[in-house]
Amino acid sequence: MTALGLLILWSKMIPFWKFIRTPRLYVVHGETAHYGMYKPNAMEKWGDKVLTWFNAALNVAFHISPILALYICRYGFILESRESWFRVIGCVGGVITFSHLMRAYGRARNAKYIEFITTYKSSILKPNFLEVLRQYDFEFTYWPASFQVKLLPNQTSYWNICLSLVNNHPYKTYANIDLPFHQRIFIQTLAFVSVHTFGLRLIYPGCLSFIYALMSGHLLYGRKRLVEEFFGKRTKIGTADGNFIDTMFVDNRGARNGKILVICCEGNSGFYEDGVMISPIKAGYSTLGWNHPGFGWSTGLPHPSQEMNAVDAVMQYAIKSLRFTPGNIVLYGWSIGGYPAAWIACNYPIRGVILDATFDDLLPLALKQMPQSWSRLVTEVIRSYANLDIATLLMQYKGPVKVIRRTEDEIICLKRGDLSTNRGNDLVQSIIFHRYLHLFDDPRMVEILKKIIAMTEMQRSHLSSRDITSIAESLLRLVSHYMYDYKSAHCVALPESYLPVIINSFNDKVVLSEN
């Protein structure tokens, strides 16, 4: 009887076990009940919460592992016996296992979830599987990739991957060339450890899992709005280095401005769900948003090489799958998103690039945020691993570029409230200096240019030809041609009325005064 009872119990448990490795469900689009938000029962809800926060805590512990290691070495925080380790591991493992089981049991008893997983498994074999899956918002790991860039050679075998790691060892490049060899090696080692634990996360806090966990509800509503209000289409695309990027496309080709596609590149804490792509959508442009590697459901980390591969995959997706020609594509980069936008501008014949609240070089801003005693380490980290030099990239680009400067920007100003220290000024200066080098035969013209750029639009408009020389008037026209002022702080959304004016001005030619 005992064996028969166990057999009966096992047969009843089979459906329950099937839900341990199935995706989370968030939204059923088009439903009116609960505004389409999926309502898990109590067991699924609490099991999911425990697992989510455990993963976030594990992620944070890894990022601050060097600090934890120093603390343990100094004060001692190591369990004394093997039995103590077994008890801790056993307790944690038990909680995690129980949470998985509790979540699976909750899913197995939820009719709405059973309907979703049945649709999910049956739609994979259908030709229009992607349209069927887009009726739901669920865990993106289980979303099929519908566009894949050809993988790089070093992604195809373990030997090539190991060879790539050897060729990119931490002592290959160095920034502090004036240091003695032993000091330089120490800084290089420290920089390598820092950037692969907490350093890159300080530059891109949006890739921290606990940040996403805190914002997940808000971002879910933003994604739901893009799908249901603007008919956005979510797509998973594969990059050349093996990452997968979460994208959202809003097709406005039926509208007046819709033949132009605006690809939006978010800031270091920005996600497409609640980022800058809402402005071009409201302005009537077709819009493609994407999340940086490591942001939200995009895999990887925002190292410069992964950023370039990610935005390149997004660009190829726009051309090959969405059928936009490069000449009808505009790159819109906000803040640190100016780096991938500038990289695309250098590599594709696009219509133009808009850089909003963007800087010229990350290093001065990084040095401002960190203690002076850390300057050597910061310089090594930035120059060796996160050299986001937008100004240098734009020197390779000959097409239209417009810079939007936030006059009350508190992030990219070296001195808060001082417009003359806004690094957007240096970006505009580098563009003009590189493109119109013949105007700067007289070294004094560089200082005149700096003074003109530091002015507000209103101050520049009050200057008359009687107040300045003809060559300075040429500089004034150049500054007005390349830079737009918007009176706001760094994180305020750009009004949609700005974009048509800027994009329509891409074909304008600046007329310089004769000497």
Protein backbone atom coordinates (compact mmCIF):
# COMPACT_ATOMS: atom_id res chain seq x y z
CA MET A 1 0.00 0.00 0.00
CA THR A 2 2.84 2.35 0.78
CA ALA A 3 4.38 1.82 -2.67
CA LEU A 4 1.00 2.33 -4.34
CA GLY A 5 0.46 5.52 -2.35
CA LEU A 6 3.85 6.86 -3.38
CA LEU A 7 3.09 6.05 -7.04
CA ILE A 8 -0.22 7.91 -6.87
CA LEU A 9 1.49 10.88 -5.18
CA TRP A 10 4.22 10.93 -7.86
CA SER A 11 1.65 10.88 -10.68
CA LYS A 12 0.00 13.93 -9.16
CA MET A 13 3.34 15.70 -8.80
CA ILE A 14 4.28 15.38 -12.50
CA PRO A 15 2.34 18.50 -13.64
CA PHE A 16 3.79 20.37 -10.67
CA TRP A 17 7.41 19.58 -11.62
CA LYS A 18 6.86 20.83 -15.17
CA PHE A 19 6.56 24.43 -13.92
CA ILE A 20 9.95 24.68 -12.16
CA ARG A 21 11.82 25.74 -15.33
CA THR A 22 9.18 27.86 -17.05
CA PRO A 23 9.26 31.66 -17.65
CA ARG A 24 7.80 34.33 -15.42
CA LEU A 25 4.65 35.91 -16.83
CA TYR A 26 4.10 39.65 -16.35
CA VAL A 27 1.39 40.96 -18.69
CA VAL A 28 -1.35 39.61 -20.94
CA HIS A 29 -1.72 42.39 -23.53
CA GLY A 30 -5.22 43.41 -24.49
CA GLU A 31 -6.92 42.14 -21.35
CA THR A 32 -8.98 44.54 -19.25
CA ALA A 33 -8.91 42.55 -16.01
CA HIS A 34 -6.28 44.03 -13.67
CA TYR A 35 -5.24 46.25 -16.63
CA GLY A 36 -3.73 43.17 -18.23
CA MET A 37 -1.23 42.62 -15.39
CA TYR A 38 -0.77 38.96 -14.53
CA LYS A 39 -1.80 38.24 -10.95
CA PRO A 40 0.18 35.36 -9.44
CA ASN A 41 -1.28 33.55 -6.45
CA ALA A 42 0.37 33.85 -3.05
CA MET A 43 2.70 30.85 -3.40
CA GLU A 44 4.08 31.92 -6.79
CA LYS A 45 4.38 35.54 -5.69
CA TRP A 46 6.42 34.88 -2.55
CA GLY A 47 8.55 32.19 -4.14
CA ASP A 48 9.39 34.60 -6.96
CA LYS A 49 10.23 37.43 -4.55
CA VAL A 50 12.67 35.31 -2.55
CA LEU A 51 14.48 34.16 -5.71
CA THR A 52 14.60 37.67 -7.18
CA TRP A 53 16.11 39.29 -4.10
CA PHE A 54 18.51 36.39 -3.55
CA ASN A 55 19.88 36.86 -7.09
CA ALA A 56 20.15 40.61 -6.52
CA ALA A 57 22.03 40.10 -3.23
CA LEU A 58 24.39 37.62 -4.89
CA ASN A 59 25.02 40.11 -7.69
CA VAL A 60 25.83 42.92 -5.24
CA ALA A 61 28.12 40.65 -3.21
CA PHE A 62 30.11 39.84 -6.35
CA HIS A 63 30.44 43.50 -7.33
CA ILE A 64 31.76 44.55 -3.93
CA SER A 65 33.84 41.38 -3.41
CA PRO A 66 37.19 43.29 -3.23
CA ILE A 67 35.80 45.48 -0.44
CA LEU A 68 34.37 42.44 1.36
CA ALA A 69 37.70 40.64 1.06
CA LEU A 70 39.56 43.59 2.60
CA TYR A 71 37.03 43.78 5.43
CA ILE A 72 37.34 40.04 6.17
CA CYS A 73 41.14 40.20 6.16
CA ARG A 74 41.13 43.12 8.57
CA TYR A 75 38.36 42.24 11.02
CA GLY A 76 37.82 38.53 10.45
CA PHE A 77 34.43 37.25 9.40
CA ILE A 78 35.13 33.65 8.45
CA LEU A 79 33.17 30.75 9.92
CA GLU A 80 35.41 28.76 12.26
CA SER A 81 34.34 25.18 11.51
CA ARG A 82 33.36 23.03 8.57
CA GLU A 83 30.04 22.26 10.27
CA SER A 84 29.19 25.97 10.38
CA TRP A 85 29.77 26.27 6.62
CA PHE A 86 27.58 23.22 5.97
CA ARG A 87 24.79 24.68 8.11
CA VAL A 88 24.87 28.02 6.30
CA ILE A 89 25.01 26.42 2.84
CA GLY A 90 22.30 23.96 3.80
CA CYS A 91 19.97 26.68 5.10
CA VAL A 92 20.44 28.90 2.04
CA GLY A 93 20.10 25.95 -0.32
CA GLY A 94 16.97 24.80 1.47
CA VAL A 95 15.35 28.23 1.21
CA ILE A 96 16.16 28.47 -2.51
CA THR A 97 14.90 24.95 -3.23
CA PHE A 98 11.71 25.53 -1.26
CA SER A 99 11.13 28.84 -3.09
CA HIS A 100 11.47 27.11 -6.47
CA LEU A 101 9.01 24.42 -5.44
CA MET A 102 6.56 26.90 -3.96
CA ARG A 103 6.63 29.03 -7.13
CA ALA A 104 6.14 25.98 -9.37
CA TYR A 105 3.20 24.75 -7.30
CA GLY A 106 1.59 28.20 -7.47
CA ARG A 107 1.95 28.29 -11.26
CA ALA A 108 0.47 24.80 -11.62
CA ARG A 109 -2.67 25.98 -9.81
CA ASN A 110 -3.14 29.20 -11.82
CA ALA A 111 -5.43 28.84 -14.84
CA LYS A 112 -4.10 32.00 -16.52
CA TYR A 113 -0.51 30.78 -16.28
CA ILE A 114 -1.44 27.35 -17.64
CA GLU A 115 -3.13 29.04 -20.61
CA PHE A 116 0.02 31.10 -21.24
CA ILE A 117 2.47 28.19 -21.06
CA THR A 118 0.25 26.10 -23.34
CA THR A 119 0.21 28.93 -25.90
CA TYR A 120 3.97 29.45 -25.51
CA LYS A 121 4.85 25.81 -26.17
CA SER A 122 2.44 25.39 -29.07
CA SER A 123 3.30 28.67 -30.84
CA ILE A 124 7.00 27.89 -31.30
CA LEU A 125 6.11 25.59 -34.20
CA LYS A 126 3.87 28.14 -35.93
CA PRO A 127 5.09 30.49 -38.74
CA ASN A 128 3.70 33.55 -36.93
CA PHE A 129 5.07 32.47 -33.55
CA LEU A 130 6.53 35.92 -32.77
CA GLU A 131 3.20 37.69 -33.20
CA VAL A 132 1.55 35.11 -30.93
CA LEU A 133 4.22 35.52 -28.24
CA ARG A 134 3.93 39.31 -28.38
CA GLN A 135 0.48 38.96 -26.82
CA TYR A 136 2.36 38.31 -23.60
CA ASP A 137 5.13 39.99 -21.64
CA PHE A 138 7.22 37.27 -20.03
CA GLU A 139 10.76 36.52 -18.91
CA PHE A 140 12.98 37.59 -21.80
CA THR A 141 15.46 34.74 -21.32
CA TYR A 142 12.83 32.43 -22.84
CA TRP A 143 12.08 34.80 -25.72
CA PRO A 144 13.29 33.44 -29.09
CA ALA A 145 15.94 35.50 -30.91
CA SER A 146 14.51 36.48 -34.30
CA PHE A 147 17.59 38.33 -35.62
CA GLN A 148 21.21 37.20 -35.24
CA VAL A 149 24.39 38.91 -36.42
CA LYS A 150 27.14 36.58 -37.59
CA LEU A 151 29.24 35.57 -34.59
CA LEU A 152 32.85 36.68 -34.35
CA PRO A 153 35.47 33.92 -34.83
CA ASN A 154 36.56 34.01 -31.16
CA GLN A 155 33.04 33.09 -30.09
CA THR A 156 32.99 29.77 -31.92
CA SER A 157 35.43 27.64 -29.89
CA TYR A 158 36.84 27.51 -26.38
CA TRP A 159 40.38 27.65 -27.78
CA ASN A 160 39.72 30.96 -29.56
CA ILE A 161 38.04 32.37 -26.45
CA CYS A 162 41.08 31.46 -24.31
CA LEU A 163 43.40 32.93 -26.95
CA SER A 164 41.39 36.16 -26.92
CA LEU A 165 41.72 36.36 -23.13
CA VAL A 166 45.49 35.88 -23.36
CA ASN A 167 45.80 38.59 -26.00
CA ASN A 168 43.78 41.02 -23.88
CA HIS A 169 45.56 40.56 -20.56
CA PRO A 170 45.49 43.46 -18.05
CA TYR A 171 49.11 44.50 -18.74
CA LYS A 172 48.68 45.00 -22.48
CA THR A 173 47.94 48.74 -22.21
CA TYR A 174 48.59 51.36 -19.56
CA ALA A 175 47.71 55.00 -19.03
CA ASN A 176 50.12 56.16 -16.29
CA ILE A 177 53.23 56.08 -18.44
CA ASP A 178 55.22 58.28 -16.04
CA LEU A 179 55.08 55.80 -13.16
CA PRO A 180 57.93 53.39 -12.34
CA PHE A 181 57.40 49.84 -13.54
CA HIS A 182 56.49 48.31 -10.15
CA GLN A 183 53.93 51.06 -9.41
CA ARG A 184 52.47 50.84 -12.88
CA ILE A 185 51.98 47.05 -12.57
CA PHE A 186 50.21 47.53 -9.25
CA ILE A 187 47.85 50.18 -10.70
CA GLN A 188 47.16 48.00 -13.76
CA THR A 189 46.27 45.01 -11.58
CA LEU A 190 44.06 47.12 -9.33
CA ALA A 191 42.35 48.69 -12.35
CA PHE A 192 41.66 45.26 -13.89
CA VAL A 193 40.11 43.95 -10.67
CA SER A 194 38.15 47.16 -10.12
CA VAL A 195 36.61 47.36 -13.59
CA HIS A 196 35.54 43.71 -13.50
CA THR A 197 33.87 44.00 -10.10
CA PHE A 198 32.49 47.42 -9.15
CA GLY A 199 34.23 49.88 -11.51
CA LEU A 200 32.09 49.38 -14.61
CA ARG A 201 28.96 49.40 -12.43
CA LEU A 202 29.87 52.85 -11.12
CA ILE A 203 30.02 54.07 -14.72
CA TYR A 204 26.84 52.17 -15.72
CA PRO A 205 24.71 51.75 -12.57
CA GLY A 206 21.82 50.59 -14.76
CA CYS A 207 23.50 47.17 -15.13
CA LEU A 208 23.19 46.46 -11.39
CA SER A 209 20.54 43.78 -10.91
CA PHE A 210 19.24 45.28 -7.67
CA ILE A 211 18.67 48.61 -9.46
CA TYR A 212 16.61 46.80 -12.06
CA ALA A 213 14.78 44.90 -9.32
CA LEU A 214 13.81 48.21 -7.68
CA MET A 215 12.67 49.70 -11.01
CA SER A 216 11.15 46.56 -12.55
CA GLY A 217 7.54 47.48 -11.80
CA HIS A 218 7.92 50.97 -13.25
CA LEU A 219 9.73 49.65 -16.34
CA LEU A 220 7.09 46.98 -16.85
CA TYR A 221 4.38 49.65 -17.02
CA GLY A 222 6.53 51.62 -19.48
CA ARG A 223 6.97 48.57 -21.71
CA LYS A 224 3.25 47.83 -21.49
CA ARG A 225 2.49 51.39 -22.57
CA LEU A 226 4.82 51.16 -25.58
CA VAL A 227 3.12 47.95 -26.73
CA GLU A 228 -0.52 48.85 -26.07
CA GLU A 229 -0.59 52.60 -26.70
CA PHE A 230 2.02 52.91 -29.48
CA PHE A 231 1.81 49.33 -30.88
CA GLY A 232 5.47 48.66 -30.19
CA LYS A 233 7.03 45.36 -31.24
CA ARG A 234 9.56 43.78 -28.91
CA THR A 235 12.39 41.78 -30.47
CA LYS A 236 15.39 39.85 -29.19
CA ILE A 237 18.48 40.24 -31.37
CA GLY A 238 21.83 38.45 -31.14
CA THR A 239 25.14 40.32 -31.31
CA ALA A 240 28.45 39.32 -32.87
CA ASP A 241 29.94 38.54 -29.44
CA GLY A 242 27.10 36.25 -28.33
CA ASN A 243 24.98 38.67 -26.30
CA PHE A 244 21.24 39.16 -26.72
CA ILE A 245 19.77 42.68 -26.82
CA ASP A 246 16.24 43.64 -25.82
CA THR A 247 14.73 46.06 -28.37
CA MET A 248 11.43 47.83 -28.96
CA PHE A 249 10.30 49.14 -32.36
CA VAL A 250 7.43 51.57 -32.94
CA ASP A 251 6.45 51.77 -36.62
CA ASN A 252 5.11 55.20 -37.61
CA ARG A 253 5.67 54.84 -41.36
CA GLY A 254 2.05 55.78 -41.92
CA ALA A 255 2.69 59.24 -40.39
CA ARG A 256 4.35 62.25 -42.03
CA ASN A 257 7.71 61.84 -40.30
CA GLY A 258 7.52 58.05 -40.05
CA LYS A 259 9.80 57.26 -42.99
CA ILE A 260 12.68 58.42 -40.81
CA LEU A 261 13.81 55.96 -38.11
CA VAL A 262 15.24 57.37 -34.89
CA ILE A 263 17.47 54.88 -33.03
CA CYS A 264 17.67 55.89 -29.37
CA CYS A 265 20.76 55.24 -27.23
CA GLU A 266 20.01 55.62 -23.50
CA GLY A 267 22.13 56.97 -20.65
CA ASN A 268 24.05 55.08 -17.97
CA SER A 269 20.90 54.44 -15.91
CA GLY A 270 18.40 54.61 -18.76
CA PHE A 271 16.15 51.92 -20.20
CA TYR A 272 14.08 52.14 -23.36
CA GLU A 273 10.95 51.44 -21.29
CA ASP A 274 11.15 54.89 -19.71
CA GLY A 275 13.83 56.69 -21.68
CA VAL A 276 14.26 59.12 -24.53
CA MET A 277 12.41 57.13 -27.20
CA ILE A 278 9.05 58.56 -26.13
CA SER A 279 9.99 61.97 -27.62
CA PRO A 280 10.55 60.81 -31.25
CA ILE A 281 7.48 58.56 -31.00
CA LYS A 282 5.28 61.53 -30.09
CA ALA A 283 6.92 63.58 -32.84
CA GLY A 284 5.69 61.01 -35.38
CA TYR A 285 9.01 59.30 -36.17
CA SER A 286 9.49 55.56 -36.39
CA THR A 287 11.55 54.73 -33.32
CA LEU A 288 13.82 51.89 -32.25
CA GLY A 289 14.93 51.63 -28.62
CA TRP A 290 17.38 49.15 -27.11
CA ASN A 291 18.90 48.40 -23.73
CA HIS A 292 22.66 48.39 -23.16
CA PRO A 293 24.31 44.98 -22.56
CA GLY A 294 23.61 44.06 -18.94
CA PHE A 295 20.65 46.46 -18.69
CA GLY A 296 17.25 44.91 -17.98
CA TRP A 297 16.99 41.72 -20.04
CA SER A 298 19.93 42.46 -22.35
CA THR A 299 22.80 40.07 -21.61
CA GLY A 300 26.48 40.89 -21.20
CA LEU A 301 28.04 44.01 -19.69
CA PRO A 302 28.48 47.53 -21.14
CA HIS A 303 32.18 47.27 -21.94
CA PRO A 304 32.97 49.49 -24.96
CA SER A 305 33.48 46.47 -27.26
CA GLN A 306 30.13 44.96 -26.23
CA GLU A 307 28.45 48.35 -26.62
CA MET A 308 29.77 48.62 -30.19
CA ASN A 309 28.66 45.09 -31.06
CA ALA A 310 25.23 45.74 -29.53
CA VAL A 311 24.52 48.97 -31.41
CA ASP A 312 25.92 47.43 -34.60
CA ALA A 313 23.44 44.54 -34.26
CA VAL A 314 20.64 47.07 -33.66
CA MET A 315 21.68 48.97 -36.79
CA GLN A 316 21.81 45.81 -38.92
CA TYR A 317 18.40 44.79 -37.60
CA ALA A 318 17.01 48.21 -38.60
CA ILE A 319 18.43 47.88 -42.13
CA LYS A 320 17.88 44.19 -42.88
CA SER A 321 14.70 43.35 -40.97
CA LEU A 322 12.90 46.68 -40.61
CA ARG A 323 13.92 47.78 -44.15
CA PHE A 324 15.14 51.30 -43.40
CA THR A 325 17.95 52.70 -45.54
CA PRO A 326 20.88 54.24 -43.61
CA GLY A 327 20.10 57.60 -45.22
CA ASN A 328 16.74 57.61 -43.39
CA ILE A 329 18.18 56.68 -39.99
CA VAL A 330 18.93 59.24 -37.27
CA LEU A 331 20.94 58.33 -34.16
CA TYR A 332 19.75 59.99 -30.96
CA GLY A 333 22.21 59.57 -28.09
CA TRP A 334 21.43 60.87 -24.63
CA SER A 335 24.22 61.36 -22.06
CA ILE A 336 26.59 58.35 -22.16
CA GLY A 337 24.48 57.01 -25.03
CA GLY A 338 26.36 59.51 -27.19
CA TYR A 339 29.20 56.98 -27.41
CA PRO A 340 27.36 54.20 -29.31
CA ALA A 341 25.55 56.86 -31.35
CA ALA A 342 28.87 58.43 -32.40
CA TRP A 343 30.33 54.99 -33.18
CA ILE A 344 27.47 54.19 -35.57
CA ALA A 345 27.85 57.63 -37.17
CA CYS A 346 31.48 56.76 -37.97
CA ASN A 347 30.61 53.41 -39.54
CA TYR A 348 27.33 53.91 -41.44
CA PRO A 349 26.18 56.63 -43.90
CA ILE A 350 23.33 57.76 -41.66
CA ARG A 351 21.13 60.82 -42.04
CA GLY A 352 22.55 62.52 -38.95
CA VAL A 353 23.27 62.24 -35.23
CA ILE A 354 21.73 64.10 -32.28
CA LEU A 355 23.73 64.20 -29.03
CA ASP A 356 21.62 65.30 -26.06
CA ALA A 357 23.27 66.20 -22.72
CA THR A 358 26.43 64.47 -23.95
CA PHE A 359 30.07 65.01 -23.03
CA ASP A 360 33.26 64.95 -25.05
CA ASP A 361 35.35 62.63 -22.87
CA LEU A 362 34.44 60.55 -19.80
CA LEU A 363 37.73 61.02 -17.94
CA PRO A 364 37.24 64.61 -16.67
CA LEU A 365 33.77 63.70 -15.36
CA ALA A 366 35.07 60.54 -13.67
CA LEU A 367 37.91 62.44 -12.00
CA LYS A 368 35.40 64.98 -10.71
CA GLN A 369 33.32 62.29 -8.99
CA MET A 370 36.17 60.42 -7.27
CA PRO A 371 38.67 61.47 -4.54
CA GLN A 372 41.84 63.14 -5.75
CA SER A 373 43.91 60.30 -4.26
CA TRP A 374 42.22 57.91 -6.69
CA SER A 375 43.15 59.88 -9.81
CA ARG A 376 45.81 57.40 -10.98
CA LEU A 377 43.43 54.45 -10.65
CA VAL A 378 40.54 56.33 -12.29
CA THR A 379 42.76 57.33 -15.21
CA GLU A 380 43.89 53.72 -15.67
CA VAL A 381 40.34 52.35 -15.54
CA ILE A 382 38.95 54.88 -18.01
CA ARG A 383 41.78 54.93 -20.53
CA SER A 384 42.34 51.16 -20.52
CA TYR A 385 38.81 49.79 -20.13
CA ALA A 386 36.17 52.50 -20.60
CA ASN A 387 37.70 55.09 -22.90
CA LEU A 388 34.49 56.81 -23.98
CA ASP A 389 36.10 59.58 -26.03
CA ILE A 390 33.14 60.81 -28.08
CA ALA A 391 34.96 63.84 -29.45
CA THR A 392 37.67 61.67 -31.02
CA LEU A 393 35.04 59.42 -32.60
CA LEU A 394 33.25 62.39 -34.16
CA MET A 395 36.48 63.51 -35.82
CA GLN A 396 35.97 60.52 -38.16
CA TYR A 397 32.41 61.57 -38.99
CA LYS A 398 31.73 64.16 -41.68
CA GLY A 399 27.93 64.24 -41.65
CA PRO A 400 25.34 66.37 -39.80
CA VAL A 401 25.62 66.47 -36.02
CA LYS A 402 23.63 68.52 -33.53
CA VAL A 403 24.44 68.90 -29.84
CA ILE A 404 21.66 69.71 -27.33
CA ARG A 405 23.07 71.39 -24.24
CA ARG A 406 21.06 71.37 -21.01
CA THR A 407 21.71 74.81 -19.51
CA GLU A 408 20.97 73.59 -15.95
CA ASP A 409 22.78 70.27 -16.31
CA GLU A 410 24.05 69.04 -12.95
CA ILE A 411 25.76 65.89 -14.23
CA ILE A 412 28.18 66.87 -17.01
CA CYS A 413 29.18 70.26 -15.56
CA LEU A 414 32.48 70.19 -13.72
CA LYS A 415 31.14 72.96 -11.47
CA ARG A 416 27.46 72.83 -10.65
CA GLY A 417 25.62 75.88 -11.95
CA ASP A 418 28.57 77.05 -14.10
CA LEU A 419 27.54 76.70 -17.76
CA SER A 420 31.10 77.36 -18.93
CA THR A 421 32.20 74.02 -17.39
CA ASN A 422 29.57 71.97 -19.25
CA ARG A 423 31.46 69.25 -21.16
CA GLY A 424 29.02 69.66 -24.03
CA ASN A 425 30.88 72.93 -24.69
CA ASP A 426 34.11 70.98 -25.20
CA LEU A 427 32.30 68.59 -27.55
CA VAL A 428 31.05 71.44 -29.77
CA GLN A 429 34.45 73.11 -29.64
CA SER A 430 36.21 69.94 -30.81
CA ILE A 431 33.72 69.51 -33.71
CA ILE A 432 34.17 73.09 -34.93
CA PHE A 433 37.93 73.10 -34.44
CA HIS A 434 38.35 69.86 -36.40
CA ARG A 435 36.01 70.77 -39.25
CA TYR A 436 37.08 74.39 -39.66
CA LEU A 437 40.75 74.28 -38.76
CA HIS A 438 41.56 77.09 -41.21
CA LEU A 439 39.68 79.57 -39.00
CA PHE A 440 42.15 79.08 -36.15
CA ASP A 441 45.38 80.27 -37.69
CA ASP A 442 45.31 82.94 -35.00
CA PRO A 443 45.56 81.23 -31.56
CA ARG A 444 43.34 83.95 -30.09
CA MET A 445 40.39 82.56 -32.06
CA VAL A 446 40.31 79.47 -29.83
CA GLU A 447 39.67 81.67 -26.79
CA ILE A 448 37.00 83.62 -28.68
CA LEU A 449 35.31 80.34 -29.61
CA LYS A 450 35.32 79.21 -25.96
CA LYS A 451 33.71 82.48 -24.86
CA ILE A 452 31.00 82.24 -27.55
CA ILE A 453 30.20 78.61 -26.67
CA ALA A 454 29.97 79.45 -22.96
CA MET A 455 27.20 81.97 -23.72
CA THR A 456 23.54 81.07 -23.71
CA GLU A 457 21.52 81.24 -26.92
CA MET A 458 19.92 84.48 -25.73
CA GLN A 459 23.30 86.07 -25.04
CA ARG A 460 24.56 85.07 -28.48
CA SER A 461 21.45 86.45 -30.17
CA HIS A 462 22.10 89.88 -28.62
CA LEU A 463 25.52 90.12 -30.22
CA SER A 464 25.53 92.25 -33.36
CA SER A 465 28.00 92.56 -36.20
CA ARG A 466 29.13 95.89 -34.73
CA ASP A 467 30.26 94.14 -31.52
CA ILE A 468 32.42 91.44 -33.10
CA THR A 469 34.81 90.94 -36.00
CA SER A 470 33.83 89.11 -39.18
CA ILE A 471 35.83 86.00 -38.23
CA ALA A 472 34.19 85.94 -34.77
CA GLU A 473 30.82 86.27 -36.50
CA SER A 474 31.68 83.11 -38.46
CA LEU A 475 32.37 81.32 -35.18
CA LEU A 476 29.07 82.58 -33.81
CA ARG A 477 27.20 81.11 -36.77
CA LEU A 478 29.02 77.81 -36.40
CA VAL A 479 28.13 77.53 -32.72
CA SER A 480 24.48 78.30 -33.46
CA HIS A 481 24.56 75.72 -36.26
CA TYR A 482 25.90 72.86 -34.14
CA MET A 483 24.46 73.58 -30.68
CA TYR A 484 20.92 73.98 -29.34
CA ASP A 485 20.16 75.07 -25.79
CA TYR A 486 17.38 73.56 -23.71
CA LYS A 487 16.71 75.05 -20.29
CA SER A 488 16.50 71.98 -18.08
CA ALA A 489 18.40 69.61 -15.83
CA HIS A 490 20.12 66.47 -17.11
CA CYS A 491 17.30 63.93 -16.75
CA VAL A 492 14.32 65.93 -18.01
CA ALA A 493 12.66 64.50 -21.13
CA LEU A 494 13.23 66.51 -24.29
CA PRO A 495 9.97 67.98 -25.70
CA GLU A 496 8.95 66.29 -28.94
CA SER A 497 8.72 69.71 -30.65
CA TYR A 498 12.54 69.98 -30.64
CA LEU A 499 13.21 66.93 -32.78
CA PRO A 500 11.51 67.94 -36.06
CA VAL A 501 13.30 71.30 -35.96
CA ILE A 502 16.67 69.63 -35.40
CA ILE A 503 16.22 66.80 -37.91
CA ASN A 504 14.92 69.17 -40.60
CA SER A 505 18.00 71.35 -40.10
CA PHE A 506 20.39 68.52 -41.03
CA ASN A 507 20.44 69.75 -44.62
CA ASP A 508 21.06 73.38 -43.67
CA LYS A 509 24.41 74.84 -44.69
CA VAL A 510 26.20 77.34 -42.53
CA VAL A 511 27.31 80.47 -44.39
CA LEU A 512 30.59 81.87 -43.08
CA SER A 513 31.51 85.52 -43.21
CA GLU A 514 34.42 86.53 -45.38
CA ASN A 515 37.60 87.58 -43.65
